[in-house]
Protein backbone atom coordinates (compact mmCIF):
# COMPACT_ATOMS: atom_id res chain seq x y z
CA UNK A 1 -13.21 -18.19 23.95
CA UNK A 2 -11.61 -15.11 22.39
CA UNK A 3 -14.22 -12.36 22.20
CA UNK A 4 -12.20 -9.79 20.29
CA UNK A 5 -9.04 -9.66 18.20
CA UNK A 6 -7.22 -6.42 17.42
CA UNK A 7 -4.76 -6.95 14.57
CA UNK A 8 -2.38 -4.01 14.12
CA UNK A 9 -0.18 -3.96 11.02
CA UNK A 10 2.85 -1.65 11.08
CA UNK A 11 3.28 -1.36 7.33
CA UNK A 12 6.94 -1.29 6.20
CA UNK A 13 8.34 -1.84 9.70
CA UNK A 14 10.48 -4.86 8.87
CA UNK A 15 13.17 -6.85 10.67
CA UNK A 16 15.08 -8.28 7.72
CA UNK A 17 14.97 -9.22 4.06
CA UNK A 18 13.32 -12.30 2.56
CA UNK A 19 15.13 -14.66 0.17
CA UNK A 20 13.59 -12.96 -2.89
CA UNK A 21 14.60 -9.43 -1.82
CA UNK A 22 17.00 -9.16 -4.75
CA UNK A 23 14.11 -9.48 -7.19
CA UNK A 24 12.78 -6.14 -5.96
CA UNK A 25 15.99 -4.23 -5.26
CA UNK A 26 15.51 -4.69 -1.52
CA UNK A 27 18.79 -6.37 -0.58
CA UNK A 28 19.79 -5.45 2.96
CA UNK A 29 16.36 -4.17 3.91
CA UNK A 30 15.84 -4.15 7.67
CA UNK A 31 13.87 -1.15 8.84
CA UNK A 32 14.20 -1.66 12.59
CA UNK A 33 17.83 -2.80 12.39
CA UNK A 34 18.99 -0.02 10.09
CA UNK A 35 17.25 2.68 12.12
CA UNK A 36 18.88 1.28 15.26
CA UNK A 37 22.30 1.46 13.59
CA UNK A 38 21.71 5.11 12.73
CA UNK A 39 20.16 5.94 16.10
CA UNK A 40 21.73 3.66 18.76
CA UNK A 41 19.73 5.46 21.44
CA UNK A 42 16.44 4.36 19.83
CA UNK A 43 13.90 3.27 22.45
CA UNK A 44 10.92 1.11 21.50
CA UNK A 45 9.67 0.49 25.01
CA UNK A 46 6.30 -1.07 24.21
CA UNK A 47 7.61 -3.34 21.45
CA UNK A 48 10.57 -4.32 23.62
CA UNK A 49 8.21 -5.24 26.46
CA UNK A 50 6.18 -7.41 24.09
CA UNK A 51 9.30 -9.32 23.02
CA UNK A 52 10.49 -7.77 19.76
CA UNK A 53 14.12 -7.81 20.91
CA UNK A 54 13.89 -11.51 21.78
CA UNK A 55 13.59 -12.44 18.11
CA UNK A 56 16.90 -13.73 16.79
CA UNK A 57 18.81 -11.08 14.85
CA UNK A 58 16.81 -8.07 16.05
CA UNK A 59 19.30 -5.59 17.46
CA UNK A 60 17.26 -4.02 20.24
CA UNK A 61 17.29 -4.95 23.94
CA UNK A 62 15.69 -8.21 25.01
CA UNK A 63 13.00 -8.51 27.65
CA UNK A 64 13.57 -10.92 30.53
CA UNK A 65 9.82 -11.46 30.82
CA UNK A 66 8.16 -10.61 27.49
CA UNK A 67 4.47 -9.86 27.72
CA UNK A 68 3.62 -11.44 24.38
CA UNK A 69 4.45 -14.26 22.03
CA UNK A 70 6.97 -13.31 19.37
CA UNK A 71 8.50 -14.62 16.16
CA UNK A 72 9.58 -13.95 12.60
CA UNK A 73 7.19 -14.83 9.75
CA UNK A 74 8.22 -15.77 6.21
CA UNK A 75 5.80 -14.69 3.50
CA UNK A 76 4.85 -17.61 1.24
CA UNK A 77 3.35 -15.61 -1.62
CA UNK A 78 5.59 -14.20 -4.33
CA UNK A 79 5.59 -10.41 -4.39
CA UNK A 80 6.20 -7.69 -1.83
CA UNK A 81 3.33 -5.22 -2.04
CA UNK A 82 0.68 -4.22 0.48
CA UNK A 83 -2.08 -6.32 -1.08
CA UNK A 84 0.00 -9.51 -1.15
CA UNK A 85 1.01 -9.19 2.50
CA UNK A 86 -2.40 -8.28 3.87
CA UNK A 87 -4.18 -10.96 1.86
CA UNK A 88 -1.76 -13.62 3.10
CA UNK A 89 -2.32 -12.60 6.73
CA UNK A 90 -6.02 -13.12 6.02
CA UNK A 91 -5.51 -16.56 4.49
CA UNK A 92 -4.79 -16.09 0.78
CA UNK A 93 -1.49 -17.39 -0.59
CA UNK A 94 -0.86 -16.22 -4.14
CA UNK A 95 0.63 -18.58 -6.70
CA UNK A 96 2.15 -15.78 -8.77
CA UNK A 97 3.06 -12.20 -8.06
CA UNK A 98 1.00 -9.26 -9.23
CA UNK A 99 2.57 -7.63 -12.32
CA UNK A 100 5.10 -4.84 -11.86
CA UNK A 101 6.41 -2.38 -14.42
CA UNK A 102 10.09 -1.52 -13.88
CA UNK A 103 10.15 0.27 -17.26
CA UNK A 104 6.71 1.94 -16.94
CA UNK A 105 3.45 0.80 -18.52
CA UNK A 106 3.23 -0.40 -22.14
CA UNK A 107 2.36 2.36 -24.60
CA UNK A 108 -0.76 0.54 -25.78
CA UNK A 109 -2.04 0.26 -22.20
CA UNK A 110 -1.71 4.00 -21.60
CA UNK A 111 -3.34 4.76 -24.95
CA UNK A 112 -6.27 2.53 -24.02
CA UNK A 113 -6.63 4.34 -20.68
CA UNK A 114 -6.42 7.76 -22.33
CA UNK A 115 -9.17 6.77 -24.75
CA UNK A 116 -11.33 5.54 -21.85
CA UNK A 117 -11.02 8.78 -19.84
CA UNK A 118 -11.08 11.10 -22.86
CA UNK A 119 -7.81 12.99 -22.23
CA UNK A 120 -4.08 12.42 -22.45
CA UNK A 121 -1.83 11.57 -19.49
CA UNK A 122 1.48 12.89 -18.22
CA UNK A 123 4.30 10.80 -16.82
CA UNK A 124 4.00 7.07 -17.36
CA UNK A 125 7.21 6.34 -15.50
CA UNK A 126 8.57 4.70 -12.38
CA UNK A 127 8.79 7.51 -9.87
CA UNK A 128 8.51 8.75 -6.32
CA UNK A 129 5.04 10.13 -5.80
CA UNK A 130 6.25 13.21 -3.95
CA UNK A 131 8.95 13.93 -6.55
CA UNK A 132 6.81 13.51 -9.65
CA UNK A 133 4.15 16.01 -8.56
CA UNK A 134 6.87 18.62 -8.01
CA UNK A 135 8.41 17.90 -11.41
CA UNK A 136 5.21 17.54 -13.47
CA UNK A 137 2.79 19.53 -11.32
CA UNK A 138 3.04 22.71 -13.37
CA UNK A 139 2.42 20.85 -16.64
CA UNK A 140 -0.56 19.13 -15.03
CA UNK A 141 -2.08 22.42 -13.85
CA UNK A 142 -1.52 23.93 -17.30
CA UNK A 143 -2.93 21.03 -19.35
CA UNK A 144 -5.37 19.36 -16.99
CA UNK A 145 -3.84 15.98 -17.84
CA UNK A 146 -3.57 13.49 -14.94
CA UNK A 147 -0.13 12.20 -13.92
CA UNK A 148 0.24 8.42 -14.21
CA UNK A 149 3.14 6.55 -12.63
CA UNK A 150 4.12 3.33 -10.89
CA UNK A 151 6.69 2.10 -8.37
CA UNK A 152 8.43 -1.12 -7.39
CA UNK A 153 5.03 -2.32 -6.16
CA UNK A 154 2.18 -3.56 -8.34
CA UNK A 155 0.39 -0.23 -8.57
CA UNK A 156 -1.14 2.09 -11.16
CA UNK A 157 -1.11 5.53 -9.54
CA UNK A 158 -2.93 8.62 -10.76
CA UNK A 159 -2.00 12.00 -9.31
CA UNK A 160 -4.08 15.13 -9.81
CA UNK A 161 -4.41 18.59 -8.26
CA UNK A 162 -7.76 18.76 -6.47
CA UNK A 163 -8.50 22.19 -8.00
CA UNK A 164 -7.75 20.91 -11.51
CA UNK A 165 -9.36 17.48 -11.41
CA UNK A 166 -11.96 17.28 -8.59
CA UNK A 167 -11.74 14.30 -6.27
CA UNK A 168 -14.82 12.54 -7.59
CA UNK A 169 -13.50 12.84 -11.15
CA UNK A 170 -10.12 11.46 -10.05
CA UNK A 171 -11.84 8.56 -8.31
CA UNK A 172 -13.88 7.94 -11.46
CA UNK A 173 -10.65 7.76 -13.50
CA UNK A 174 -9.27 5.25 -11.00
CA UNK A 175 -12.43 3.15 -11.26
CA UNK A 176 -12.04 3.11 -15.04
CA UNK A 177 -8.41 2.03 -14.69
CA UNK A 178 -9.38 -0.67 -12.20
CA UNK A 179 -11.96 -2.13 -14.58
CA UNK A 180 -9.43 -2.03 -17.41
CA UNK A 181 -6.47 -3.56 -15.56
CA UNK A 182 -7.28 -7.26 -15.68
CA UNK A 183 -5.60 -10.41 -16.95
CA UNK A 184 -1.88 -9.94 -17.53
CA UNK A 185 -2.18 -6.33 -16.34
CA UNK A 186 -4.15 -7.06 -13.15
CA UNK A 187 -2.13 -4.82 -10.83
CA UNK A 188 -2.75 -5.18 -7.12
CA UNK A 189 -3.99 -1.62 -6.66
CA UNK A 190 -4.99 1.48 -8.55
CA UNK A 191 -4.31 4.45 -6.27
CA UNK A 192 -5.72 7.98 -6.42
CA UNK A 193 -3.02 10.45 -5.34
CA UNK A 194 -4.59 13.92 -5.01
CA UNK A 195 -2.49 16.96 -4.16
CA UNK A 196 -2.80 20.70 -3.60
CA UNK A 197 -0.49 23.72 -3.57
CA UNK A 198 1.25 25.96 -6.05
CA UNK A 199 4.34 25.73 -8.23
CA UNK A 200 7.33 24.50 -6.23
CA UNK A 201 5.25 23.57 -3.19
CA UNK A 202 2.83 20.86 -4.26
CA UNK A 203 1.86 18.53 -1.39
CA UNK A 204 -0.24 15.38 -1.27
CA UNK A 205 -3.56 15.63 0.54
CA UNK A 206 -5.04 12.94 2.83
CA UNK A 207 -7.70 12.09 0.22
CA UNK A 208 -5.83 9.11 -1.21
CA UNK A 209 -8.03 6.20 -2.22
CA UNK A 210 -7.04 2.64 -3.14
CA UNK A 211 -8.90 0.50 -5.67
CA UNK A 212 -7.87 -3.10 -5.05
CA UNK A 213 -8.52 -6.31 -6.90
CA UNK A 214 -11.23 -8.46 -5.37
CA UNK A 215 -9.71 -11.06 -3.01
CA UNK A 216 -8.96 -14.28 -4.88
CA UNK A 217 -10.87 -16.43 -2.36
CA UNK A 218 -12.55 -16.26 1.04
CA UNK A 219 -10.48 -14.70 3.80
CA UNK A 220 -10.40 -14.63 7.57
CA UNK A 221 -12.58 -11.52 7.32
CA UNK A 222 -15.31 -13.49 5.55
CA UNK A 223 -15.16 -16.30 8.11
CA UNK A 224 -15.56 -13.88 11.01
CA UNK A 225 -18.37 -12.01 9.27
CA UNK A 226 -20.13 -15.28 8.36
CA UNK A 227 -20.22 -16.10 12.08
CA UNK A 228 -22.23 -12.90 12.65
CA UNK A 229 -19.33 -11.03 14.22
CA UNK A 230 -18.23 -7.51 13.38
CA UNK A 231 -15.16 -6.87 11.24
CA UNK A 232 -13.99 -3.30 11.81
CA UNK A 233 -11.51 -2.03 9.21
CA UNK A 234 -9.40 1.01 10.12
CA UNK A 235 -7.38 3.01 7.59
CA UNK A 236 -6.86 1.50 4.14
CA UNK A 237 -7.90 -2.04 5.13
CA UNK A 238 -11.35 -1.83 3.56
CA UNK A 239 -9.77 -0.70 0.28
CA UNK A 240 -7.17 -3.51 0.31
CA UNK A 241 -9.93 -6.11 0.59
CA UNK A 242 -12.27 -4.19 -1.76
CA UNK A 243 -14.81 -4.07 1.07
CA UNK A 244 -15.22 -7.87 1.04
CA UNK A 245 -15.71 -9.33 4.52
CA UNK A 246 -15.90 -5.91 6.21
CA UNK A 247 -18.90 -4.89 8.30
CA UNK A 248 -17.76 -1.40 9.33
CA UNK A 249 -14.92 0.83 8.18
CA UNK A 250 -13.18 3.98 9.38
CA UNK A 251 -11.00 5.69 6.80
CA UNK A 252 -8.24 7.76 8.36
CA UNK A 253 -6.31 10.80 7.17
CA UNK A 254 -3.02 10.02 8.93
CA UNK A 255 -1.14 7.42 10.95
CA UNK A 256 -1.87 9.23 14.20
CA UNK A 257 -5.59 9.33 13.45
CA UNK A 258 -5.42 5.57 12.99
CA UNK A 259 -3.80 5.18 16.39
């Protein structure tokens, strides 16, 4: 009998594109392979020992006696975001992808959100989170308006300077957005993106918070919990599953803290 399972997810560490990569502008994506091309001297000793290089098409050294089982998995659910991938690993296969907004959010949706929170918003565009706070940060500090943006993923992101919009107020805005974004606009996650700093040097803080949809059905986490076993969630896992099926959670401020 297995007494304990430790499932480690290296988010965005991929070994090749899926057939639908073109739908998301991800043709040619291969994180491990492309890094290895740029840095031929790359050493991944632990992953190599486990058998990563023994997977067909992975351009790192093979192990003669791999310590683990290895293979390449094909995602069945449509979509490419964090929620879709994590939910599928836990047993949920989506029939349709979460909505994305390659041309930003509809005007009427933003107006509805502005009415709900009582102030206007800046942005409403597809953008890099680090770039948009540099570009719109000064306007945000001056007006007090939150910055709303999205990406290639199914996300509604709200950025705010912690000294302009306190964290709890930012989280409240995200909760309002989460309650509002249902039906055709049921994005996978609403994400709070707080930052600090001054003009020209705005930087994100570790106080990010994700507001996920409730899982569409029971997951592996629920099954384990229902058998009176502990489900420990580290990092953003509790947020991705909206706390469902989790018995204990540790939220981390960085990748190294998670390790």
